[in-house]
Every structure is written in structure tokens, then in C-alpha cells.
Amino acid sequence: MNRVSKTTAEYPMETLTVAALRRADLEGVDPSPGQSVQLVVVDAKRRSVNHV
């Protein structure tokens, strides 16, 4: 489980966590800083919303 520490726009790099947050945005979920999120990584070599 990961804890969100910033809004998606505030992360400087595209990490797996950021990709998961972007996926959540696409699905209509808006995790706020301080919330915990769970993610499933489909392809760890790619860091796009299509792989989390």
C-alpha cells in the first residue's frame, strides 16, 4: 500500500505511483494527499496508466 503525499500534478517524475494516480483520475477517483492507495502493476518496465 502506498500513501499519497501530493496531488498528481506535484510529482516531478512519472513513477508507478504517479501512473496509478493518473489511472485513478481516469476512472473518476481522486485520491487526496494523506490517503493510502493500492495498485497492481501489470508491466513494471513501463510507467504509463495502461500498465497499472
N, C-alpha and C. Protein backbone atom coordinates (compact mmCIF):
# COMPACT_ATOMS: atom_id res chain seq x y z
N MET A 1 0.85 -1.16 0.00
CA MET A 1 0.00 0.00 0.00
C MET A 1 0.91 1.24 0.00
N ASN A 2 0.54 2.22 -0.79
CA ASN A 2 1.27 3.48 -0.87
C ASN A 2 0.42 4.60 -0.33
N ARG A 3 1.07 5.56 0.29
CA ARG A 3 0.36 6.73 0.79
C ARG A 3 0.62 7.89 -0.17
N VAL A 4 -0.43 8.55 -0.59
CA VAL A 4 -0.33 9.70 -1.49
C VAL A 4 0.16 10.89 -0.67
N SER A 5 1.25 11.52 -1.13
CA SER A 5 1.79 12.65 -0.37
C SER A 5 1.56 14.00 -1.08
N LYS A 6 1.18 13.93 -2.36
CA LYS A 6 0.98 15.16 -3.14
C LYS A 6 -0.17 14.93 -4.12
N THR A 7 -0.58 15.99 -4.77
CA THR A 7 -1.52 15.82 -5.87
C THR A 7 -0.73 15.27 -7.06
N THR A 8 -1.40 14.70 -8.01
CA THR A 8 -0.73 14.11 -9.18
C THR A 8 0.16 15.12 -9.88
N ALA A 9 -0.31 16.33 -10.02
CA ALA A 9 0.44 17.38 -10.74
C ALA A 9 1.73 17.77 -10.02
N GLU A 10 1.82 17.53 -8.72
CA GLU A 10 3.00 17.95 -7.95
C GLU A 10 4.16 16.97 -8.01
N TYR A 11 3.94 15.77 -8.53
CA TYR A 11 5.04 14.79 -8.63
C TYR A 11 5.91 15.15 -9.82
N PRO A 12 7.24 15.28 -9.63
CA PRO A 12 8.12 15.70 -10.72
C PRO A 12 8.47 14.59 -11.71
N MET A 13 8.34 13.33 -11.29
CA MET A 13 8.72 12.20 -12.15
C MET A 13 7.52 11.27 -12.34
N GLU A 14 7.53 10.55 -13.44
CA GLU A 14 6.47 9.58 -13.73
C GLU A 14 6.86 8.23 -13.10
N THR A 15 6.43 8.01 -11.88
CA THR A 15 6.69 6.76 -11.17
C THR A 15 5.48 5.85 -11.28
N LEU A 16 5.60 4.64 -10.76
CA LEU A 16 4.46 3.74 -10.76
C LEU A 16 3.31 4.32 -9.94
N THR A 17 3.64 4.99 -8.85
CA THR A 17 2.60 5.61 -8.02
C THR A 17 1.87 6.70 -8.80
N VAL A 18 2.62 7.52 -9.52
CA VAL A 18 2.01 8.59 -10.31
C VAL A 18 1.15 7.99 -11.42
N ALA A 19 1.64 6.93 -12.06
CA ALA A 19 0.84 6.26 -13.10
C ALA A 19 -0.46 5.73 -12.50
N ALA A 20 -0.40 5.19 -11.30
CA ALA A 20 -1.60 4.69 -10.63
C ALA A 20 -2.56 5.83 -10.30
N LEU A 21 -2.02 6.97 -9.87
CA LEU A 21 -2.86 8.13 -9.58
C LEU A 21 -3.53 8.65 -10.85
N ARG A 22 -2.80 8.65 -11.95
CA ARG A 22 -3.38 9.09 -13.23
C ARG A 22 -4.48 8.12 -13.66
N ARG A 23 -4.26 6.82 -13.45
CA ARG A 23 -5.29 5.82 -13.77
C ARG A 23 -6.54 6.07 -12.91
N ALA A 24 -6.32 6.35 -11.65
CA ALA A 24 -7.45 6.64 -10.75
C ALA A 24 -8.22 7.85 -11.25
N ASP A 25 -7.50 8.88 -11.70
CA ASP A 25 -8.17 10.07 -12.26
C ASP A 25 -9.05 9.69 -13.45
N LEU A 26 -8.52 8.82 -14.32
CA LEU A 26 -9.29 8.39 -15.49
C LEU A 26 -10.55 7.62 -15.10
N GLU A 27 -10.47 6.92 -13.97
CA GLU A 27 -11.59 6.12 -13.50
C GLU A 27 -12.56 6.93 -12.64
N GLY A 28 -12.26 8.21 -12.44
CA GLY A 28 -13.15 9.07 -11.68
C GLY A 28 -12.90 9.06 -10.18
N VAL A 29 -11.76 8.53 -9.77
CA VAL A 29 -11.38 8.50 -8.35
C VAL A 29 -10.29 9.56 -8.16
N ASP A 30 -10.40 10.34 -7.10
CA ASP A 30 -9.44 11.42 -6.87
C ASP A 30 -8.81 11.27 -5.49
N PRO A 31 -7.76 10.43 -5.36
CA PRO A 31 -7.11 10.28 -4.05
C PRO A 31 -6.47 11.60 -3.61
N SER A 32 -6.67 11.94 -2.37
CA SER A 32 -6.11 13.17 -1.81
C SER A 32 -4.83 12.87 -1.06
N PRO A 33 -3.94 13.87 -0.93
CA PRO A 33 -2.74 13.67 -0.11
C PRO A 33 -3.12 13.15 1.28
N GLY A 34 -2.39 12.14 1.73
CA GLY A 34 -2.67 11.53 3.04
C GLY A 34 -3.43 10.22 2.93
N GLN A 35 -4.10 9.99 1.81
CA GLN A 35 -4.83 8.75 1.61
C GLN A 35 -3.88 7.64 1.18
N SER A 36 -4.24 6.41 1.51
CA SER A 36 -3.49 5.25 1.07
C SER A 36 -4.14 4.68 -0.18
N VAL A 37 -3.30 4.19 -1.09
CA VAL A 37 -3.80 3.58 -2.32
C VAL A 37 -3.11 2.24 -2.53
N GLN A 38 -3.83 1.31 -3.13
CA GLN A 38 -3.27 0.04 -3.53
C GLN A 38 -3.21 0.03 -5.04
N LEU A 39 -2.17 -0.60 -5.61
CA LEU A 39 -2.06 -0.66 -7.04
C LEU A 39 -1.58 -2.03 -7.47
N VAL A 40 -1.95 -2.41 -8.66
CA VAL A 40 -1.49 -3.66 -9.27
C VAL A 40 -0.69 -3.28 -10.49
N VAL A 41 0.56 -3.71 -10.54
CA VAL A 41 1.44 -3.38 -11.65
C VAL A 41 1.37 -4.51 -12.67
N VAL A 42 1.03 -4.17 -13.90
CA VAL A 42 0.92 -5.16 -14.97
C VAL A 42 2.26 -5.30 -15.69
N ASP A 43 2.98 -4.21 -15.86
CA ASP A 43 4.27 -4.22 -16.54
C ASP A 43 5.15 -3.16 -15.89
N ALA A 44 6.07 -3.58 -15.02
CA ALA A 44 6.89 -2.64 -14.24
C ALA A 44 7.89 -1.87 -15.10
N LYS A 45 8.18 -2.32 -16.30
CA LYS A 45 9.13 -1.62 -17.14
C LYS A 45 8.52 -0.37 -17.76
N ARG A 46 7.21 -0.33 -17.84
CA ARG A 46 6.51 0.82 -18.39
C ARG A 46 5.80 1.54 -17.27
N ARG A 47 5.79 2.85 -17.33
CA ARG A 47 5.20 3.65 -16.26
C ARG A 47 4.06 4.51 -16.79
N SER A 48 3.18 3.87 -17.51
CA SER A 48 2.03 4.62 -18.03
C SER A 48 0.76 4.10 -17.39
N VAL A 49 -0.31 4.84 -17.54
CA VAL A 49 -1.58 4.46 -16.94
C VAL A 49 -2.10 3.15 -17.50
N ASN A 50 -1.60 2.72 -18.64
CA ASN A 50 -2.07 1.47 -19.23
C ASN A 50 -1.47 0.23 -18.57
N HIS A 51 -0.54 0.41 -17.67
CA HIS A 51 0.16 -0.72 -17.09
C HIS A 51 0.00 -0.84 -15.58
N VAL A 52 -0.88 -0.03 -14.99
CA VAL A 52 -1.20 -0.15 -13.56
C VAL A 52 -2.69 -0.28 -13.41
